[in-house]
Amino acid sequence: MNDLRTVAIRAGEAADAESISMLILELAERFVLPEFSAEGRERFSTAHTPAAIAALMESGYRYHVAECGGELVGVRLSGPQGAG
């Protein structure tokens, strides 16, 4: 059961790329990007598009997502599988 008190963590999938991007960019806009230069904001935003996230997944990077009440509430990125 996944209600509003339960957080489920699972491996991210390519189908999650858009939601992952939206969460990262929304939070970054509020908490991180105001400290960046215009160039830094552009580079960060470009690196976190759905296509960029999907490409990282395809190259072996792993995302884990946290969901609560059917909504994505957290994300974690770990290095490529087989590294280290």
PDB file of N, CA and C in Angstrom:
ATOM      1  N   MET A   1       0.847  -1.183   0.000  1.00  0.00           N
ATOM      2  CA  MET A   1       0.000   0.000   0.000  1.00  0.00           C
ATOM      3  C   MET A   1       0.885   1.237   0.000  1.00  0.00           C
ATOM      4  N   ASN A   2       0.575   2.207  -0.839  1.00  0.00           N
ATOM      5  CA  ASN A   2       1.362   3.425  -0.935  1.00  0.00           C
ATOM      6  C   ASN A   2       0.464   4.616  -0.635  1.00  0.00           C
ATOM      7  N   ASP A   3       0.332   4.956   0.676  1.00  0.00           N
ATOM      8  CA  ASP A   3      -0.485   6.101   1.048  1.00  0.00           C
ATOM      9  C   ASP A   3       0.410   7.295   1.335  1.00  0.00           C
ATOM     10  N   LEU A   4      -0.162   8.360   1.862  1.00  0.00           N
ATOM     11  CA  LEU A   4       0.595   9.583   2.080  1.00  0.00           C
ATOM     12  C   LEU A   4       1.605   9.474   3.218  1.00  0.00           C
ATOM     13  N   ARG A   5       1.597   8.399   3.980  1.00  0.00           N
ATOM     14  CA  ARG A   5       2.563   8.221   5.061  1.00  0.00           C
ATOM     15  C   ARG A   5       3.673   7.266   4.660  1.00  0.00           C
ATOM     16  N   THR A   6       3.550   6.655   3.525  1.00  0.00           N
ATOM     17  CA  THR A   6       4.506   5.646   3.096  1.00  0.00           C
ATOM     18  C   THR A   6       5.355   6.167   1.949  1.00  0.00           C
ATOM     19  N   VAL A   7       6.659   6.031   2.103  1.00  0.00           N
ATOM     20  CA  VAL A   7       7.577   6.379   1.033  1.00  0.00           C
ATOM     21  C   VAL A   7       8.152   5.083   0.483  1.00  0.00           C
ATOM     22  N   ALA A   8       8.008   4.886  -0.801  1.00  0.00           N
ATOM     23  CA  ALA A   8       8.546   3.703  -1.469  1.00  0.00           C
ATOM     24  C   ALA A   8       9.769   4.109  -2.267  1.00  0.00           C
ATOM     25  N   ILE A   9      10.836   3.342  -2.137  1.00  0.00           N
ATOM     26  CA  ILE A   9      12.063   3.598  -2.885  1.00  0.00           C
ATOM     27  C   ILE A   9      12.263   2.458  -3.862  1.00  0.00           C
ATOM     28  N   ARG A  10      12.572   2.827  -5.095  1.00  0.00           N
ATOM     29  CA  ARG A  10      12.778   1.815  -6.124  1.00  0.00           C
ATOM     30  C   ARG A  10      13.812   2.307  -7.124  1.00  0.00           C
ATOM     31  N   ALA A  11      14.297   1.387  -7.941  1.00  0.00           N
ATOM     32  CA  ALA A  11      15.216   1.752  -9.015  1.00  0.00           C
ATOM     33  C   ALA A  11      14.469   2.577 -10.053  1.00  0.00           C
ATOM     34  N   GLY A  12      15.103   3.649 -10.491  1.00  0.00           N
ATOM     35  CA  GLY A  12      14.505   4.471 -11.536  1.00  0.00           C
ATOM     36  C   GLY A  12      14.566   3.764 -12.881  1.00  0.00           C
ATOM     37  N   GLU A  13      13.640   4.104 -13.741  1.00  0.00           N
ATOM     38  CA  GLU A  13      13.560   3.524 -15.080  1.00  0.00           C
ATOM     39  C   GLU A  13      13.541   4.660 -16.096  1.00  0.00           C
ATOM     40  N   ALA A  14      13.799   4.332 -17.340  1.00  0.00           N
ATOM     41  CA  ALA A  14      13.805   5.344 -18.402  1.00  0.00           C
ATOM     42  C   ALA A  14      12.491   6.131 -18.415  1.00  0.00           C
ATOM     43  N   ALA A  15      11.391   5.476 -18.108  1.00  0.00           N
ATOM     44  CA  ALA A  15      10.089   6.151 -18.092  1.00  0.00           C
ATOM     45  C   ALA A  15      10.003   7.215 -17.005  1.00  0.00           C
ATOM     46  N   ASP A  16      10.922   7.200 -16.040  1.00  0.00           N
ATOM     47  CA  ASP A  16      10.937   8.185 -14.955  1.00  0.00           C
ATOM     48  C   ASP A  16      11.733   9.435 -15.304  1.00  0.00           C
ATOM     49  N   ALA A  17      12.426   9.451 -16.426  1.00  0.00           N
ATOM     50  CA  ALA A  17      13.349  10.540 -16.748  1.00  0.00           C
ATOM     51  C   ALA A  17      12.670  11.911 -16.701  1.00  0.00           C
ATOM     52  N   GLU A  18      11.477  12.020 -17.224  1.00  0.00           N
ATOM     53  CA  GLU A  18      10.788  13.310 -17.222  1.00  0.00           C
ATOM     54  C   GLU A  18      10.465  13.761 -15.802  1.00  0.00           C
ATOM     55  N   SER A  19       9.948  12.858 -14.988  1.00  0.00           N
ATOM     56  CA  SER A  19       9.619  13.205 -13.599  1.00  0.00           C
ATOM     57  C   SER A  19      10.865  13.535 -12.794  1.00  0.00           C
ATOM     58  N   ILE A  20      11.939  12.786 -13.015  1.00  0.00           N
ATOM     59  CA  ILE A  20      13.204  13.061 -12.330  1.00  0.00           C
ATOM     60  C   ILE A  20      13.697  14.447 -12.707  1.00  0.00           C
ATOM     61  N   SER A  21      13.680  14.758 -13.979  1.00  0.00           N
ATOM     62  CA  SER A  21      14.111  16.067 -14.454  1.00  0.00           C
ATOM     63  C   SER A  21      13.282  17.179 -13.827  1.00  0.00           C
ATOM     64  N   MET A  22      11.971  17.015 -13.826  1.00  0.00           N
ATOM     65  CA  MET A  22      11.095  18.038 -13.269  1.00  0.00           C
ATOM     66  C   MET A  22      11.395  18.287 -11.796  1.00  0.00           C
ATOM     67  N   LEU A  23      11.570  17.222 -11.026  1.00  0.00           N
ATOM     68  CA  LEU A  23      11.842  17.368  -9.594  1.00  0.00           C
ATOM     69  C   LEU A  23      13.175  18.085  -9.377  1.00  0.00           C
ATOM     70  N   ILE A  24      14.215  17.624 -10.060  1.00  0.00           N
ATOM     71  CA  ILE A  24      15.539  18.233  -9.893  1.00  0.00           C
ATOM     72  C   ILE A  24      15.506  19.707 -10.276  1.00  0.00           C
ATOM     73  N   LEU A  25      14.919  20.017 -11.424  1.00  0.00           N
ATOM     74  CA  LEU A  25      14.922  21.399 -11.898  1.00  0.00           C
ATOM     75  C   LEU A  25      14.053  22.313 -11.036  1.00  0.00           C
ATOM     76  N   GLU A  26      12.919  21.810 -10.558  1.00  0.00           N
ATOM     77  CA  GLU A  26      12.057  22.621  -9.685  1.00  0.00           C
ATOM     78  C   GLU A  26      12.781  22.954  -8.381  1.00  0.00           C
ATOM     79  N   LEU A  27      13.419  21.970  -7.778  1.00  0.00           N
ATOM     80  CA  LEU A  27      14.127  22.210  -6.515  1.00  0.00           C
ATOM     81  C   LEU A  27      15.369  23.066  -6.727  1.00  0.00           C
ATOM     82  N   ALA A  28      16.079  22.816  -7.822  1.00  0.00           N
ATOM     83  CA  ALA A  28      17.272  23.607  -8.106  1.00  0.00           C
ATOM     84  C   ALA A  28      16.906  25.071  -8.335  1.00  0.00           C
ATOM     85  N   GLU A  29      15.820  25.315  -9.029  1.00  0.00           N
ATOM     86  CA  GLU A  29      15.382  26.695  -9.292  1.00  0.00           C
ATOM     87  C   GLU A  29      15.129  27.433  -7.981  1.00  0.00           C
ATOM     88  N   ARG A  30      14.607  26.738  -7.025  1.00  0.00           N
ATOM     89  CA  ARG A  30      14.282  27.371  -5.744  1.00  0.00           C
ATOM     90  C   ARG A  30      15.484  27.506  -4.819  1.00  0.00           C
ATOM     91  N   PHE A  31      16.331  26.461  -4.768  1.00  0.00           N
ATOM     92  CA  PHE A  31      17.353  26.412  -3.732  1.00  0.00           C
ATOM     93  C   PHE A  31      18.798  26.552  -4.215  1.00  0.00           C
ATOM     94  N   VAL A  32      19.080  26.268  -5.473  1.00  0.00           N
ATOM     95  CA  VAL A  32      20.463  26.194  -5.929  1.00  0.00           C
ATOM     96  C   VAL A  32      20.783  27.224  -7.010  1.00  0.00           C
ATOM     97  N   LEU A  33      19.983  27.249  -8.038  1.00  0.00           N
ATOM     98  CA  LEU A  33      20.305  28.057  -9.212  1.00  0.00           C
ATOM     99  C   LEU A  33      20.415  29.556  -8.959  1.00  0.00           C
ATOM    100  N   PRO A  34      19.716  30.127  -7.973  1.00  0.00           N
ATOM    101  CA  PRO A  34      19.902  31.564  -7.737  1.00  0.00           C
ATOM    102  C   PRO A  34      21.360  31.940  -7.403  1.00  0.00           C
ATOM    103  N   GLU A  35      22.135  30.977  -6.941  1.00  0.00           N
ATOM    104  CA  GLU A  35      23.537  31.229  -6.613  1.00  0.00           C
ATOM    105  C   GLU A  35      24.456  31.089  -7.831  1.00  0.00           C
ATOM    106  N   PHE A  36      23.953  30.557  -8.920  1.00  0.00           N
ATOM    107  CA  PHE A  36      24.759  30.292 -10.111  1.00  0.00           C
ATOM    108  C   PHE A  36      24.787  31.509 -11.027  1.00  0.00           C
ATOM    109  N   SER A  37      25.832  31.569 -11.828  1.00  0.00           N
ATOM    110  CA  SER A  37      25.880  32.561 -12.912  1.00  0.00           C
ATOM    111  C   SER A  37      24.868  32.135 -13.978  1.00  0.00           C
ATOM    112  N   ALA A  38      24.601  33.027 -14.920  1.00  0.00           N
ATOM    113  CA  ALA A  38      23.688  32.686 -16.025  1.00  0.00           C
ATOM    114  C   ALA A  38      24.208  31.471 -16.783  1.00  0.00           C
ATOM    115  N   GLU A  39      25.517  31.430 -17.024  1.00  0.00           N
ATOM    116  CA  GLU A  39      26.108  30.293 -17.724  1.00  0.00           C
ATOM    117  C   GLU A  39      25.959  29.010 -16.900  1.00  0.00           C
ATOM    118  N   GLY A  40      26.176  29.113 -15.609  1.00  0.00           N
ATOM    119  CA  GLY A  40      26.039  27.949 -14.733  1.00  0.00           C
ATOM    120  C   GLY A  40      24.615  27.428 -14.703  1.00  0.00           C
ATOM    121  N   ARG A  41      23.638  28.334 -14.656  1.00  0.00           N
ATOM    122  CA  ARG A  41      22.224  27.919 -14.670  1.00  0.00           C
ATOM    123  C   ARG A  41      21.900  27.177 -15.960  1.00  0.00           C
ATOM    124  N   GLU A  42      22.391  27.706 -17.079  1.00  0.00           N
ATOM    125  CA  GLU A  42      22.140  27.071 -18.373  1.00  0.00           C
ATOM    126  C   GLU A  42      22.771  25.682 -18.435  1.00  0.00           C
ATOM    127  N   ARG A  43      24.005  25.574 -17.973  1.00  0.00           N
ATOM    128  CA  ARG A  43      24.696  24.278 -18.005  1.00  0.00           C
ATOM    129  C   ARG A  43      23.992  23.261 -17.103  1.00  0.00           C
ATOM    130  N   PHE A  44      23.598  23.697 -15.911  1.00  0.00           N
ATOM    131  CA  PHE A  44      22.893  22.807 -14.992  1.00  0.00           C
ATOM    132  C   PHE A  44      21.584  22.334 -15.617  1.00  0.00           C
ATOM    133  N   SER A  45      20.817  23.273 -16.147  1.00  0.00           N
ATOM    134  CA  SER A  45      19.518  22.933 -16.739  1.00  0.00           C
ATOM    135  C   SER A  45      19.672  21.974 -17.909  1.00  0.00           C
ATOM    136  N   THR A  46      20.667  22.206 -18.743  1.00  0.00           N
ATOM    137  CA  THR A  46      20.918  21.331 -19.883  1.00  0.00           C
ATOM    138  C   THR A  46      21.315  19.933 -19.436  1.00  0.00           C
ATOM    139  N   ALA A  47      22.062  19.846 -18.353  1.00  0.00           N
ATOM    140  CA  ALA A  47      22.529  18.547 -17.847  1.00  0.00           C
ATOM    141  C   ALA A  47      21.423  17.753 -17.162  1.00  0.00           C
ATOM    142  N   HIS A  48      20.273  18.382 -16.913  1.00  0.00           N
ATOM    143  CA  HIS A  48      19.199  17.703 -16.189  1.00  0.00           C
ATOM    144  C   HIS A  48      17.888  17.656 -16.966  1.00  0.00           C
ATOM    145  N   THR A  49      17.979  17.683 -18.283  1.00  0.00           N
ATOM    146  CA  THR A  49      16.784  17.487 -19.106  1.00  0.00           C
ATOM    147  C   THR A  49      16.396  16.009 -19.068  1.00  0.00           C
ATOM    148  N   PRO A  50      15.167  15.678 -19.417  1.00  0.00           N
ATOM    149  CA  PRO A  50      14.801  14.268 -19.492  1.00  0.00           C
ATOM    150  C   PRO A  50      15.731  13.462 -20.406  1.00  0.00           C
ATOM    151  N   ALA A  51      16.109  14.054 -21.532  1.00  0.00           N
ATOM    152  CA  ALA A  51      16.998  13.341 -22.465  1.00  0.00           C
ATOM    153  C   ALA A  51      18.366  13.099 -21.842  1.00  0.00           C
ATOM    154  N   ALA A  52      18.888  14.079 -21.114  1.00  0.00           N
ATOM    155  CA  ALA A  52      20.199  13.914 -20.470  1.00  0.00           C
ATOM    156  C   ALA A  52      20.138  12.838 -19.384  1.00  0.00           C
ATOM    157  N   ILE A  53      19.058  12.817 -18.634  1.00  0.00           N
ATOM    158  CA  ILE A  53      18.897  11.813 -17.584  1.00  0.00           C
ATOM    159  C   ILE A  53      18.762  10.428 -18.205  1.00  0.00           C
ATOM    160  N   ALA A  54      17.977  10.305 -19.253  1.00  0.00           N
ATOM    161  CA  ALA A  54      17.832   9.019 -19.932  1.00  0.00           C
ATOM    162  C   ALA A  54      19.170   8.546 -20.490  1.00  0.00           C
ATOM    163  N   ALA A  55      19.963   9.473 -21.018  1.00  0.00           N
ATOM    164  CA  ALA A  55      21.281   9.109 -21.559  1.00  0.00           C
ATOM    165  C   ALA A  55      22.203   8.607 -20.455  1.00  0.00           C
ATOM    166  N   LEU A  56      22.155   9.234 -19.284  1.00  0.00           N
ATOM    167  CA  LEU A  56      22.957   8.740 -18.154  1.00  0.00           C
ATOM    168  C   LEU A  56      22.531   7.328 -17.770  1.00  0.00           C
ATOM    169  N   MET A  57      21.234   7.093 -17.725  1.00  0.00           N
ATOM    170  CA  MET A  57      20.737   5.748 -17.404  1.00  0.00           C
ATOM    171  C   MET A  57      21.245   4.730 -18.422  1.00  0.00           C
ATOM    172  N   GLU A  58      21.183   5.092 -19.688  1.00  0.00           N
ATOM    173  CA  GLU A  58      21.625   4.185 -20.745  1.00  0.00           C
ATOM    174  C   GLU A  58      23.119   3.902 -20.660  1.00  0.00           C
ATOM    175  N   SER A  59      23.885   4.852 -20.125  1.00  0.00           N
ATOM    176  CA  SER A  59      25.333   4.661 -20.033  1.00  0.00           C
ATOM    177  C   SER A  59      25.756   3.971 -18.740  1.00  0.00           C
ATOM    178  N   GLY A  60      24.789   3.543 -17.929  1.00  0.00           N
ATOM    179  CA  GLY A  60      25.102   2.752 -16.750  1.00  0.00           C
ATOM    180  C   GLY A  60      24.928   3.443 -15.413  1.00  0.00           C
ATOM    181  N   TYR A  61      24.607   4.737 -15.417  1.00  0.00           N
ATOM    182  CA  TYR A  61      24.320   5.417 -14.154  1.00  0.00           C
ATOM    183  C   TYR A  61      22.965   4.950 -13.646  1.00  0.00           C
ATOM    184  N   ARG A  62      22.830   4.918 -12.325  1.00  0.00           N
ATOM    185  CA  ARG A  62      21.592   4.416 -11.729  1.00  0.00           C
ATOM    186  C   ARG A  62      20.929   5.504 -10.906  1.00  0.00           C
ATOM    187  N   TYR A  63      19.666   5.673 -11.124  1.00  0.00           N
ATOM    188  CA  TYR A  63      18.844   6.560 -10.301  1.00  0.00           C
ATOM    189  C   TYR A  63      17.973   5.691  -9.416  1.00  0.00           C
ATOM    190  N   HIS A  64      17.771   6.130  -8.200  1.00  0.00           N
ATOM    191  CA  HIS A  64      16.762   5.556  -7.326  1.00  0.00           C
ATOM    192  C   HIS A  64      15.768   6.666  -7.046  1.00  0.00           C
ATOM    193  N   VAL A  65      14.499   6.323  -7.029  1.00  0.00           N
ATOM    194  CA  VAL A  65      13.468   7.326  -6.813  1.00  0.00           C
ATOM    195  C   VAL A  65      12.677   6.978  -5.559  1.00  0.00           C
ATOM    196  N   ALA A  66      12.196   8.021  -4.910  1.00  0.00           N
ATOM    197  CA  ALA A  66      11.313   7.871  -3.750  1.00  0.00           C
ATOM    198  C   ALA A  66       9.952   8.417  -4.147  1.00  0.00           C
ATOM    199  N   GLU A  67       8.923   7.641  -3.853  1.00  0.00           N
ATOM    200  CA  GLU A  67       7.561   8.045  -4.192  1.00  0.00           C
ATOM    201  C   GLU A  67       6.699   8.004  -2.942  1.00  0.00           C
ATOM    202  N   CYS A  68       5.796   8.963  -2.848  1.00  0.00           N
ATOM    203  CA  CYS A  68       4.845   9.010  -1.746  1.00  0.00           C
ATOM    204  C   CYS A  68       3.502   9.429  -2.324  1.00  0.00           C
ATOM    205  N   GLY A  69       2.493   8.642  -2.068  1.00  0.00           N
ATOM    206  CA  GLY A  69       1.175   8.956  -2.603  1.00  0.00           C
ATOM    207  C   GLY A  69       1.144   9.029  -4.115  1.00  0.00           C
ATOM    208  N   GLY A  70       1.996   8.248  -4.774  1.00  0.00           N
ATOM    209  CA  GLY A  70       2.043   8.231  -6.230  1.00  0.00           C
ATOM    210  C   GLY A  70       2.829   9.383  -6.843  1.00  0.00           C
ATOM    211  N   GLU A  71       3.462  10.195  -6.012  1.00  0.00           N
ATOM    212  CA  GLU A  71       4.223  11.355  -6.496  1.00  0.00           C
ATOM    213  C   GLU A  71       5.705  11.167  -6.217  1.00  0.00           C
ATOM    214  N   LEU A  72       6.535  11.556  -7.167  1.00  0.00           N
ATOM    215  CA  LEU A  72       7.980  11.500  -6.988  1.00  0.00           C
ATOM    216  C   LEU A  72       8.375  12.580  -5.976  1.00  0.00           C
ATOM    217  N   VAL A  73       9.043  12.170  -4.895  1.00  0.00           N
ATOM    218  CA  VAL A  73       9.429  13.121  -3.850  1.00  0.00           C
ATOM    219  C   VAL A  73      10.931  13.143  -3.599  1.00  0.00           C
ATOM    220  N   GLY A  74      11.693  12.247  -4.226  1.00  0.00           N
ATOM    221  CA  GLY A  74      13.125  12.236  -4.030  1.00  0.00           C
ATOM    222  C   GLY A  74      13.810  11.436  -5.121  1.00  0.00           C
ATOM    223  N   VAL A  75      15.105  11.719  -5.297  1.00  0.00           N
ATOM    224  CA  VAL A  75      15.883  11.025  -6.304  1.00  0.00           C
ATOM    225  C   VAL A  75      17.329  10.981  -5.865  1.00  0.00           C
ATOM    226  N   ARG A  76      17.997   9.905  -6.220  1.00  0.00           N
ATOM    227  CA  ARG A  76      19.425   9.733  -5.920  1.00  0.00           C
ATOM    228  C   ARG A  76      20.102   9.162  -7.145  1.00  0.00           C
ATOM    229  N   LEU A  77      21.267   9.692  -7.459  1.00  0.00           N
ATOM    230  CA  LEU A  77      22.053   9.208  -8.587  1.00  0.00           C
ATOM    231  C   LEU A  77      23.301   8.535  -8.048  1.00  0.00           C
ATOM    232  N   SER A  78      23.618   7.365  -8.590  1.00  0.00           N
ATOM    233  CA  SER A  78      24.884   6.709  -8.242  1.00  0.00           C
ATOM    234  C   SER A  78      25.632   6.421  -9.532  1.00  0.00           C
ATOM    235  N   GLY A  79      26.952   6.294  -9.405  1.00  0.00           N
ATOM    236  CA  GLY A  79      27.827   6.127 -10.549  1.00  0.00           C
ATOM    237  C   GLY A  79      27.496   4.913 -11.401  1.00  0.00           C
ATOM    238  N   PRO A  80      28.210   4.783 -12.484  1.00  0.00           N
ATOM    239  CA  PRO A  80      27.915   3.690 -13.416  1.00  0.00           C
ATOM    240  C   PRO A  80      28.072   2.336 -12.742  1.00  0.00           C
ATOM    241  N   GLN A  81      27.217   1.408 -13.138  1.00  0.00           N
ATOM    242  CA  GLN A  81      27.325   0.052 -12.623  1.00  0.00           C
ATOM    243  C   GLN A  81      28.679  -0.512 -12.997  1.00  0.00           C
ATOM    244  N   GLY A  82      29.263  -1.235 -12.065  1.00  0.00           N
ATOM    245  CA  GLY A  82      30.554  -1.856 -12.322  1.00  0.00           C
ATOM    246  C   GLY A  82      31.732  -0.963 -12.005  1.00  0.00           C
ATOM    247  N   ALA A  83      31.471   0.308 -11.674  1.00  0.00           N
ATOM    248  CA  ALA A  83      32.564   1.230 -11.335  1.00  0.00           C
ATOM    249  C   ALA A  83      32.934   1.050  -9.865  1.00  0.00           C
ATOM    250  N   GLY A  84      34.202   1.117  -9.586  1.00  0.00           N
ATOM    251  CA  GLY A  84      34.700   1.092  -8.208  1.00  0.00           C
ATOM    252  C   GLY A  84      34.402  -0.160  -7.535  1.00  0.00           C
TER     253      GLY A  84
END
